[in-house]
């Protein structure tokens, strides 16, 4: 799911649809405690190091337009067990084993 301001501002509406239609939602890990079932993101420290390496190459004279596009190789997986239960999704042992973080509750705005 592509994240946008509309998604952020209306997350509760989206989450109601996830529940109504039993959709196991995925997206940016920042929304995992709000109710996404699976969050997939980059390791921020490794991504920062990668950005710094690119900056150094540019400062050393590399043409930015000729540097290869690289989104990184290290990703983290977050899983929210409560959100999975709410939408009726039972993650496999493989998904549970692959998760870097497992959350057991959803933050409420009440």
C-alpha atoms as a PDB file:
ATOM      1  CA  UNK A   1       0.000   0.000   0.000  1.00  0.00           C
ATOM      2  CA  UNK A   2       1.415   3.375  -1.005  1.00  0.00           C
ATOM      3  CA  UNK A   3       1.485   5.792   1.911  1.00  0.00           C
ATOM      4  CA  UNK A   4       0.274   9.372   1.494  1.00  0.00           C
ATOM      5  CA  UNK A   5      -1.004  12.263   3.596  1.00  0.00           C
ATOM      6  CA  UNK A   6      -4.570  11.163   2.869  1.00  0.00           C
ATOM      7  CA  UNK A   7      -3.722   7.675   4.157  1.00  0.00           C
ATOM      8  CA  UNK A   8      -2.105   9.104   7.274  1.00  0.00           C
ATOM      9  CA  UNK A   9      -4.925  11.536   8.018  1.00  0.00           C
ATOM     10  CA  UNK A  10      -7.680   8.968   7.402  1.00  0.00           C
ATOM     11  CA  UNK A  11      -6.029   5.820   8.701  1.00  0.00           C
ATOM     12  CA  UNK A  12      -9.051   4.889  10.828  1.00  0.00           C
ATOM     13  CA  UNK A  13     -11.253   4.798   7.704  1.00  0.00           C
ATOM     14  CA  UNK A  14      -8.755   2.533   5.948  1.00  0.00           C
ATOM     15  CA  UNK A  15      -8.455   0.312   9.008  1.00  0.00           C
ATOM     16  CA  UNK A  16     -12.246  -0.039   9.186  1.00  0.00           C
ATOM     17  CA  UNK A  17     -12.173  -1.297   5.585  1.00  0.00           C
ATOM     18  CA  UNK A  18      -9.319  -3.680   6.402  1.00  0.00           C
ATOM     19  CA  UNK A  19     -11.488  -5.134   9.181  1.00  0.00           C
ATOM     20  CA  UNK A  20     -14.718  -5.178   7.153  1.00  0.00           C
ATOM     21  CA  UNK A  21     -13.176  -6.968   4.166  1.00  0.00           C
ATOM     22  CA  UNK A  22     -10.633  -9.049   6.144  1.00  0.00           C
ATOM     23  CA  UNK A  23      -7.649  -7.560   4.310  1.00  0.00           C
ATOM     24  CA  UNK A  24      -4.198  -8.239   5.745  1.00  0.00           C
ATOM     25  CA  UNK A  25      -2.690  -4.801   5.107  1.00  0.00           C
ATOM     26  CA  UNK A  26       0.973  -4.058   4.477  1.00  0.00           C
ATOM     27  CA  UNK A  27       2.932  -0.855   4.270  1.00  0.00           C
ATOM     28  CA  UNK A  28       5.449   1.364   6.018  1.00  0.00           C
ATOM     29  CA  UNK A  29       6.390   0.081   9.493  1.00  0.00           C
ATOM     30  CA  UNK A  30       5.465   3.448  11.021  1.00  0.00           C
ATOM     31  CA  UNK A  31       1.811   2.368  10.742  1.00  0.00           C
ATOM     32  CA  UNK A  32       2.258  -1.047  12.352  1.00  0.00           C
ATOM     33  CA  UNK A  33       1.088   0.029  15.808  1.00  0.00           C
ATOM     34  CA  UNK A  34      -1.910   1.803  14.263  1.00  0.00           C
ATOM     35  CA  UNK A  35      -3.185  -1.458  12.779  1.00  0.00           C
ATOM     36  CA  UNK A  36      -1.258  -2.556   9.703  1.00  0.00           C
ATOM     37  CA  UNK A  37      -0.699  -6.291   9.797  1.00  0.00           C
ATOM     38  CA  UNK A  38       2.738  -6.310   8.145  1.00  0.00           C
ATOM     39  CA  UNK A  39       5.228  -3.464   7.891  1.00  0.00           C
ATOM     40  CA  UNK A  40       8.116  -3.734   5.463  1.00  0.00           C
ATOM     41  CA  UNK A  41      10.846  -1.126   5.571  1.00  0.00           C
ATOM     42  CA  UNK A  42      14.525  -0.380   5.338  1.00  0.00           C
ATOM     43  CA  UNK A  43      17.022  -0.597   8.130  1.00  0.00           C
ATOM     44  CA  UNK A  44      17.376   3.160   8.698  1.00  0.00           C
ATOM     45  CA  UNK A  45      20.974   2.987   9.913  1.00  0.00           C
ATOM     46  CA  UNK A  46      22.161   0.982   6.893  1.00  0.00           C
ATOM     47  CA  UNK A  47      20.175   3.212   4.542  1.00  0.00           C
ATOM     48  CA  UNK A  48      21.777   6.294   6.126  1.00  0.00           C
ATOM     49  CA  UNK A  49      25.239   4.802   5.598  1.00  0.00           C
ATOM     50  CA  UNK A  50      24.363   4.080   1.973  1.00  0.00           C
ATOM     51  CA  UNK A  51      23.258   7.712   1.484  1.00  0.00           C
ATOM     52  CA  UNK A  52      26.494   8.932   3.072  1.00  0.00           C
ATOM     53  CA  UNK A  53      28.539   6.737   0.712  1.00  0.00           C
ATOM     54  CA  UNK A  54      26.705   8.246  -2.273  1.00  0.00           C
ATOM     55  CA  UNK A  55      27.306  11.767  -0.943  1.00  0.00           C
ATOM     56  CA  UNK A  56      31.037  11.049  -0.611  1.00  0.00           C
ATOM     57  CA  UNK A  57      31.189   9.689  -4.153  1.00  0.00           C
ATOM     58  CA  UNK A  58      29.495  12.851  -5.446  1.00  0.00           C
ATOM     59  CA  UNK A  59      31.846  15.075  -3.432  1.00  0.00           C
ATOM     60  CA  UNK A  60      34.752  13.120  -4.942  1.00  0.00           C
ATOM     61  CA  UNK A  61      33.512  14.094  -8.409  1.00  0.00           C
ATOM     62  CA  UNK A  62      31.119  11.288  -9.398  1.00  0.00           C
ATOM     63  CA  UNK A  63      28.297  12.376 -11.701  1.00  0.00           C
ATOM     64  CA  UNK A  64      25.074  11.873  -9.670  1.00  0.00           C
ATOM     65  CA  UNK A  65      23.196  10.974 -12.859  1.00  0.00           C
ATOM     66  CA  UNK A  66      25.569   8.070 -13.484  1.00  0.00           C
ATOM     67  CA  UNK A  67      25.335   6.534 -10.018  1.00  0.00           C
ATOM     68  CA  UNK A  68      23.218   3.365 -10.003  1.00  0.00           C
ATOM     69  CA  UNK A  69      19.767   3.464  -8.424  1.00  0.00           C
ATOM     70  CA  UNK A  70      19.888   1.408  -5.265  1.00  0.00           C
ATOM     71  CA  UNK A  71      17.019   1.023  -2.818  1.00  0.00           C
ATOM     72  CA  UNK A  72      19.081  -1.133  -0.496  1.00  0.00           C
ATOM     73  CA  UNK A  73      19.252  -4.803   0.248  1.00  0.00           C
ATOM     74  CA  UNK A  74      18.436  -4.911   3.947  1.00  0.00           C
ATOM     75  CA  UNK A  75      14.777  -4.710   4.843  1.00  0.00           C
ATOM     76  CA  UNK A  76      12.978  -5.339   8.096  1.00  0.00           C
ATOM     77  CA  UNK A  77       9.611  -6.992   8.588  1.00  0.00           C
ATOM     78  CA  UNK A  78       7.255  -6.006  11.393  1.00  0.00           C
ATOM     79  CA  UNK A  79       4.145  -8.003  12.245  1.00  0.00           C
ATOM     80  CA  UNK A  80       1.209  -6.920  14.378  1.00  0.00           C
ATOM     81  CA  UNK A  81      -0.476  -9.998  15.863  1.00  0.00           C
ATOM     82  CA  UNK A  82      -3.543  -8.121  17.149  1.00  0.00           C
ATOM     83  CA  UNK A  83      -4.147  -6.494  13.754  1.00  0.00           C
ATOM     84  CA  UNK A  84      -3.778  -9.904  12.092  1.00  0.00           C
ATOM     85  CA  UNK A  85      -6.362 -11.355  14.477  1.00  0.00           C
ATOM     86  CA  UNK A  86      -8.765  -8.452  13.851  1.00  0.00           C
ATOM     87  CA  UNK A  87      -8.817  -9.146  10.098  1.00  0.00           C
ATOM     88  CA  UNK A  88      -8.776 -12.944  10.487  1.00  0.00           C
ATOM     89  CA  UNK A  89      -5.255 -13.469   9.140  1.00  0.00           C
ATOM     90  CA  UNK A  90      -3.242 -16.295  10.670  1.00  0.00           C
ATOM     91  CA  UNK A  91       0.415 -15.721   9.701  1.00  0.00           C
ATOM     92  CA  UNK A  92       2.388 -18.840   8.845  1.00  0.00           C
ATOM     93  CA  UNK A  93       5.323 -19.950  10.949  1.00  0.00           C
ATOM     94  CA  UNK A  94       7.573 -18.765   8.086  1.00  0.00           C
ATOM     95  CA  UNK A  95       6.199 -15.205   8.353  1.00  0.00           C
ATOM     96  CA  UNK A  96       6.478 -15.283  12.144  1.00  0.00           C
ATOM     97  CA  UNK A  97      10.056 -16.538  11.893  1.00  0.00           C
ATOM     98  CA  UNK A  98      11.023 -13.889   9.339  1.00  0.00           C
ATOM     99  CA  UNK A  99       9.636 -10.989  11.381  1.00  0.00           C
ATOM    100  CA  UNK A 100      12.234  -8.686  12.899  1.00  0.00           C
ATOM    101  CA  UNK A 101       9.651  -7.213  15.282  1.00  0.00           C
ATOM    102  CA  UNK A 102       6.348  -8.592  16.527  1.00  0.00           C
ATOM    103  CA  UNK A 103       3.756  -6.283  18.055  1.00  0.00           C
ATOM    104  CA  UNK A 104       0.872  -7.592  20.116  1.00  0.00           C
ATOM    105  CA  UNK A 105      -1.424  -4.597  20.319  1.00  0.00           C
ATOM    106  CA  UNK A 106      -2.891  -1.722  18.368  1.00  0.00           C
ATOM    107  CA  UNK A 107      -2.591   1.831  19.653  1.00  0.00           C
ATOM    108  CA  UNK A 108      -5.960   3.492  19.955  1.00  0.00           C
ATOM    109  CA  UNK A 109      -6.672   7.179  19.443  1.00  0.00           C
ATOM    110  CA  UNK A 110      -9.409   7.275  22.099  1.00  0.00           C
END
